[in-house]
């Protein structure tokens, strides 16, 4: 693909339409690559930021403690990284306090419940439960299938 020479008109079109069109659509319009569009946007200091508003911040505040960044991102139609950056900016951290009762719950249930189910019961994340199980030295036996024994 030949290198595109960007005119003032091209830059004006880009500035007027970069929020309305994707990089792929812009690349098709200009007959160039998506990377070329991305480079021009950076060069012109044009950024597509997901605008955080009070409604989205409220959504995060109400759910961040028991939902993963992946789930939050899906609910807000944004990226996990954007959610993580916003949680940091808002000072929201997931720090679950492991009480003796919570540890007992894990000991009593880790063989019969998934990390996700235990996390739901304890109002924490599955990753937190998994990490706690590792720290406690608890492992589940390998799964066996019902049909592992051959018929005689």
Protein backbone atom coordinates (compact mmCIF):
# COMPACT_ATOMS: atom_id res chain seq x y z
CA UNK A 1 0.00 0.00 0.00
CA UNK A 2 1.43 3.35 -1.01
CA UNK A 3 2.04 5.90 1.70
CA UNK A 4 -0.79 8.41 2.02
CA UNK A 5 -0.15 12.11 1.89
CA UNK A 6 -2.45 13.78 4.42
CA UNK A 7 -3.99 17.06 3.28
CA UNK A 8 -5.56 19.77 5.41
CA UNK A 9 -8.96 18.59 4.16
CA UNK A 10 -8.14 15.04 5.29
CA UNK A 11 -7.21 16.31 8.75
CA UNK A 12 -10.42 18.35 8.94
CA UNK A 13 -12.51 15.32 7.97
CA UNK A 14 -10.68 13.21 10.55
CA UNK A 15 -11.26 15.82 13.26
CA UNK A 16 -14.96 16.08 12.42
CA UNK A 17 -15.58 12.34 12.20
CA UNK A 18 -13.19 10.45 14.49
CA UNK A 19 -15.81 10.25 17.26
CA UNK A 20 -18.52 9.09 14.83
CA UNK A 21 -16.54 6.50 12.88
CA UNK A 22 -14.28 3.63 13.91
CA UNK A 23 -10.65 3.49 12.82
CA UNK A 24 -11.59 0.71 10.39
CA UNK A 25 -14.30 2.88 8.82
CA UNK A 26 -11.93 5.83 8.59
CA UNK A 27 -9.24 3.63 7.04
CA UNK A 28 -11.72 2.45 4.41
CA UNK A 29 -12.79 6.04 3.72
CA UNK A 30 -9.20 7.21 3.22
CA UNK A 31 -7.97 4.01 1.54
CA UNK A 32 -5.27 3.50 4.12
CA UNK A 33 -4.50 1.21 7.06
CA UNK A 34 -6.01 1.25 10.54
CA UNK A 35 -2.49 1.87 11.91
CA UNK A 36 -2.18 4.95 9.71
CA UNK A 37 -5.45 6.30 11.12
CA UNK A 38 -4.32 5.59 14.68
CA UNK A 39 -1.03 7.37 14.03
CA UNK A 40 -2.78 10.44 12.61
CA UNK A 41 -5.18 10.57 15.58
CA UNK A 42 -2.24 10.46 18.00
CA UNK A 43 -0.34 13.04 15.97
CA UNK A 44 -3.37 15.36 16.02
CA UNK A 45 -3.87 14.60 19.75
CA UNK A 46 -7.41 13.35 19.13
CA UNK A 47 -8.52 10.80 21.73
CA UNK A 48 -11.67 8.78 22.18
CA UNK A 49 -12.19 8.70 25.91
CA UNK A 50 -15.08 6.90 27.47
CA UNK A 51 -16.71 9.69 29.42
CA UNK A 52 -17.28 8.69 33.03
CA UNK A 53 -20.36 10.19 34.55
CA UNK A 54 -22.01 9.96 37.95
CA UNK A 55 -24.27 7.12 36.78
CA UNK A 56 -21.28 4.97 35.76
CA UNK A 57 -19.37 5.86 38.92
CA UNK A 58 -22.40 4.86 40.99
CA UNK A 59 -22.58 1.55 39.11
CA UNK A 60 -18.92 0.92 40.02
CA UNK A 61 -19.32 1.94 43.67
CA UNK A 62 -22.32 -0.35 44.13
CA UNK A 63 -20.82 -3.41 42.44
CA UNK A 64 -17.00 -3.30 42.41
CA UNK A 65 -16.58 -5.25 45.62
CA UNK A 66 -18.31 -8.42 44.44
CA UNK A 67 -17.95 -8.20 40.65
CA UNK A 68 -14.76 -8.70 38.66
CA UNK A 69 -13.39 -5.97 36.40
CA UNK A 70 -14.38 -8.15 33.46
CA UNK A 71 -18.00 -8.26 34.62
CA UNK A 72 -18.01 -4.53 35.38
CA UNK A 73 -16.56 -3.75 31.94
CA UNK A 74 -19.22 -5.87 30.26
CA UNK A 75 -21.96 -4.07 32.21
CA UNK A 76 -20.57 -0.64 31.33
CA UNK A 77 -19.64 -1.57 27.73
CA UNK A 78 -16.01 -0.58 28.18
CA UNK A 79 -12.64 -2.30 28.69
CA UNK A 80 -11.30 -3.97 31.81
CA UNK A 81 -8.38 -1.56 31.79
CA UNK A 82 -10.74 1.43 31.72
CA UNK A 83 -12.62 -0.01 34.71
CA UNK A 84 -9.37 -0.65 36.57
CA UNK A 85 -8.13 2.89 35.92
CA UNK A 86 -11.45 4.38 37.09
CA UNK A 87 -11.49 2.26 40.26
CA UNK A 88 -8.01 3.52 41.09
CA UNK A 89 -9.02 7.12 40.39
CA UNK A 90 -12.07 6.73 42.66
CA UNK A 91 -9.95 5.11 45.37
CA UNK A 92 -11.99 1.90 45.30
CA UNK A 93 -10.02 -1.17 46.34
CA UNK A 94 -11.12 -4.71 47.02
CA UNK A 95 -9.72 -5.71 50.37
CA UNK A 96 -11.62 -8.60 51.88
CA UNK A 97 -11.03 -9.13 55.59
CA UNK A 98 -10.68 -12.84 56.21
CA UNK A 99 -12.39 -13.61 59.49
CA UNK A 100 -12.13 -16.95 61.31
CA UNK A 101 -15.76 -17.59 60.29
CA UNK A 102 -14.96 -16.98 56.60
CA UNK A 103 -11.95 -19.30 56.81
CA UNK A 104 -14.11 -21.96 58.49
CA UNK A 105 -16.70 -21.56 55.72
CA UNK A 106 -13.99 -22.21 53.12
CA UNK A 107 -12.67 -25.25 54.97
CA UNK A 108 -16.17 -26.69 55.29
CA UNK A 109 -17.21 -26.04 51.69
CA UNK A 110 -14.21 -26.03 49.35
CA UNK A 111 -14.74 -29.63 48.27
CA UNK A 112 -18.41 -29.18 47.45
CA UNK A 113 -18.56 -25.61 46.17
CA UNK A 114 -16.77 -23.75 43.42
CA UNK A 115 -14.63 -20.69 44.16
CA UNK A 116 -17.33 -18.58 42.51
CA UNK A 117 -20.10 -19.99 44.70
CA UNK A 118 -18.04 -19.47 47.86
CA UNK A 119 -17.18 -15.94 46.71
CA UNK A 120 -20.87 -15.18 46.22
CA UNK A 121 -21.65 -16.44 49.72
CA UNK A 122 -18.81 -14.40 51.25
CA UNK A 123 -19.37 -11.30 49.07
CA UNK A 124 -15.87 -11.36 47.64
CA UNK A 125 -14.32 -12.36 44.31
CA UNK A 126 -13.50 -15.86 43.07
CA UNK A 127 -9.86 -14.77 42.72
CA UNK A 128 -9.78 -13.85 46.40
CA UNK A 129 -11.15 -17.26 47.38
CA UNK A 130 -8.66 -19.06 45.10
CA UNK A 131 -5.78 -17.10 46.58
CA UNK A 132 -6.94 -17.85 50.13
CA UNK A 133 -7.22 -21.57 49.33
CA UNK A 134 -3.65 -21.55 47.99
CA UNK A 135 -2.38 -19.72 51.09
CA UNK A 136 -4.13 -22.26 53.30
CA UNK A 137 -2.58 -25.12 51.31
CA UNK A 138 -6.00 -26.47 50.33
CA UNK A 139 -6.28 -28.35 47.03
CA UNK A 140 -9.18 -30.18 45.48
CA UNK A 141 -8.72 -33.74 44.25
CA UNK A 142 -8.65 -34.17 40.47
CA UNK A 143 -12.08 -34.49 38.91
CA UNK A 144 -13.15 -37.96 37.89
CA UNK A 145 -15.65 -38.69 35.19
CA UNK A 146 -18.58 -41.03 35.73
CA UNK A 147 -17.50 -43.17 32.78
CA UNK A 148 -13.85 -43.55 33.81
CA UNK A 149 -14.34 -47.19 34.78
CA UNK A 150 -14.57 -49.41 31.69
CA UNK A 151 -17.50 -51.81 31.52
CA UNK A 152 -16.55 -55.36 32.32
